[in-house]
Protein backbone atom coordinates (compact mmCIF):
# COMPACT_ATOMS: atom_id res chain seq x y z
CA MET A 1 94.09 76.21 44.03
CA PRO A 2 92.73 75.19 47.46
CA SER A 3 95.19 74.09 50.08
CA THR A 4 94.79 70.76 51.80
CA SER A 5 96.12 69.19 54.93
CA ALA A 6 96.87 65.54 55.62
CA SER A 7 93.29 65.02 56.84
CA GLY A 8 91.78 66.99 53.96
CA ALA A 9 90.13 69.36 56.43
CA ALA A 10 90.76 73.07 56.73
CA ALA A 11 93.98 73.77 58.59
CA THR A 12 93.75 74.86 62.21
CA PRO A 13 94.84 78.50 62.56
CA VAL A 14 98.17 78.87 64.37
CA ILE A 15 99.70 81.73 66.34
CA SER A 16 103.46 81.15 66.41
CA ILE A 17 105.79 82.71 68.96
CA ALA A 18 109.46 83.03 68.07
CA ASP A 19 112.16 85.52 69.03
CA PHE A 20 109.73 87.25 71.43
CA ALA A 21 107.25 88.06 68.64
CA TYR A 22 103.84 86.74 67.58
CA LYS A 23 103.05 85.58 64.04
CA VAL A 24 99.28 85.74 63.71
CA PRO A 25 96.98 84.55 60.88
CA ALA A 26 95.43 87.34 58.78
CA SER A 27 92.02 86.39 60.23
CA VAL A 28 90.14 83.52 61.84
CA ALA A 29 86.51 82.46 61.87
CA PRO A 30 84.32 83.18 64.91
CA GLY A 31 84.66 80.34 67.42
CA ALA A 32 87.66 78.79 65.65
CA LYS A 33 90.07 76.68 67.67
CA ILE A 34 93.50 78.34 67.46
CA THR A 35 96.74 76.53 68.27
CA ILE A 36 99.48 78.62 69.86
CA LYS A 37 103.04 77.33 69.49
CA ASN A 38 105.84 78.75 71.62
CA GLY A 39 109.21 78.32 69.90
CA ASP A 40 111.06 80.42 72.49
CA SER A 41 113.03 79.24 75.52
CA GLU A 42 110.82 81.28 77.90
CA ALA A 43 107.12 81.08 78.79
CA HIS A 44 104.72 83.55 77.18
CA THR A 45 101.02 84.37 77.40
CA VAL A 46 98.39 85.31 74.86
CA THR A 47 96.21 87.59 76.95
CA SER A 48 93.33 89.53 75.40
CA LYS A 49 93.10 93.15 76.50
CA ASP A 50 89.32 92.74 76.89
CA GLY A 51 89.49 89.50 78.87
CA GLY A 52 88.22 87.28 76.06
CA PHE A 53 91.11 84.82 76.28
CA ASP A 54 94.21 84.24 78.39
CA VAL A 55 96.61 81.32 78.11
CA LYS A 56 100.16 80.63 79.27
CA ILE A 57 102.40 78.64 76.93
CA ASP A 58 105.53 77.06 78.37
CA PRO A 59 108.80 77.03 76.37
CA GLY A 60 108.66 74.66 73.40
CA SER A 61 104.99 73.85 74.10
CA SER A 62 101.65 74.57 72.53
CA ALA A 63 98.16 75.44 73.77
CA THR A 64 94.74 76.02 72.28
CA ILE A 65 92.29 78.91 72.61
CA THR A 66 88.87 79.49 71.10
CA ALA A 67 88.40 82.65 69.07
CA PRO A 68 85.63 84.99 70.23
CA MET A 69 82.22 84.35 68.63
CA LYS A 70 81.76 88.03 67.76
CA ALA A 71 83.55 89.41 64.70
CA GLY A 72 86.03 92.13 65.53
CA THR A 73 89.62 93.03 66.27
CA TYR A 74 91.10 91.72 69.50
CA LYS A 75 94.38 93.11 70.79
CA PHE A 76 96.48 90.84 72.99
CA VAL A 77 99.76 90.95 74.90
CA CYS A 78 102.24 88.75 76.72
CA THR A 79 101.87 89.55 80.40
CA PHE A 80 105.50 88.48 81.00
CA HIS A 81 107.06 90.61 78.23
CA GLY A 82 105.62 94.11 77.76
CA ASN A 83 107.15 94.52 74.30
CA MET A 84 105.08 91.63 72.88
CA SER A 85 101.68 92.44 71.40
CA GLY A 86 99.49 91.26 68.57
CA THR A 87 96.02 91.53 67.06
CA LEU A 88 93.57 88.73 66.33
CA VAL A 89 91.04 89.55 63.59
CA VAL A 90 87.84 87.54 63.79
CA GLN A 91 85.62 87.65 60.68
């Protein structure tokens, strides 16, 4: 059964940050707008290892990035916390 949102449109992909860890969607479409929500009490970044995206998210805030247009696997880190890493799959 298809899922729906309040607007009836496809849901915006979300990367959630909580307890110094990323929760990333299984995959996103090329060029998709991705909302990043920081649930921690410290600032974090979502910084692509290849320079494709880089955003700082203040505590309790959100930000938006655009997924790369080319399908692939994009590793990212938090530049403030070396133990935080994730992978964005674009397909």
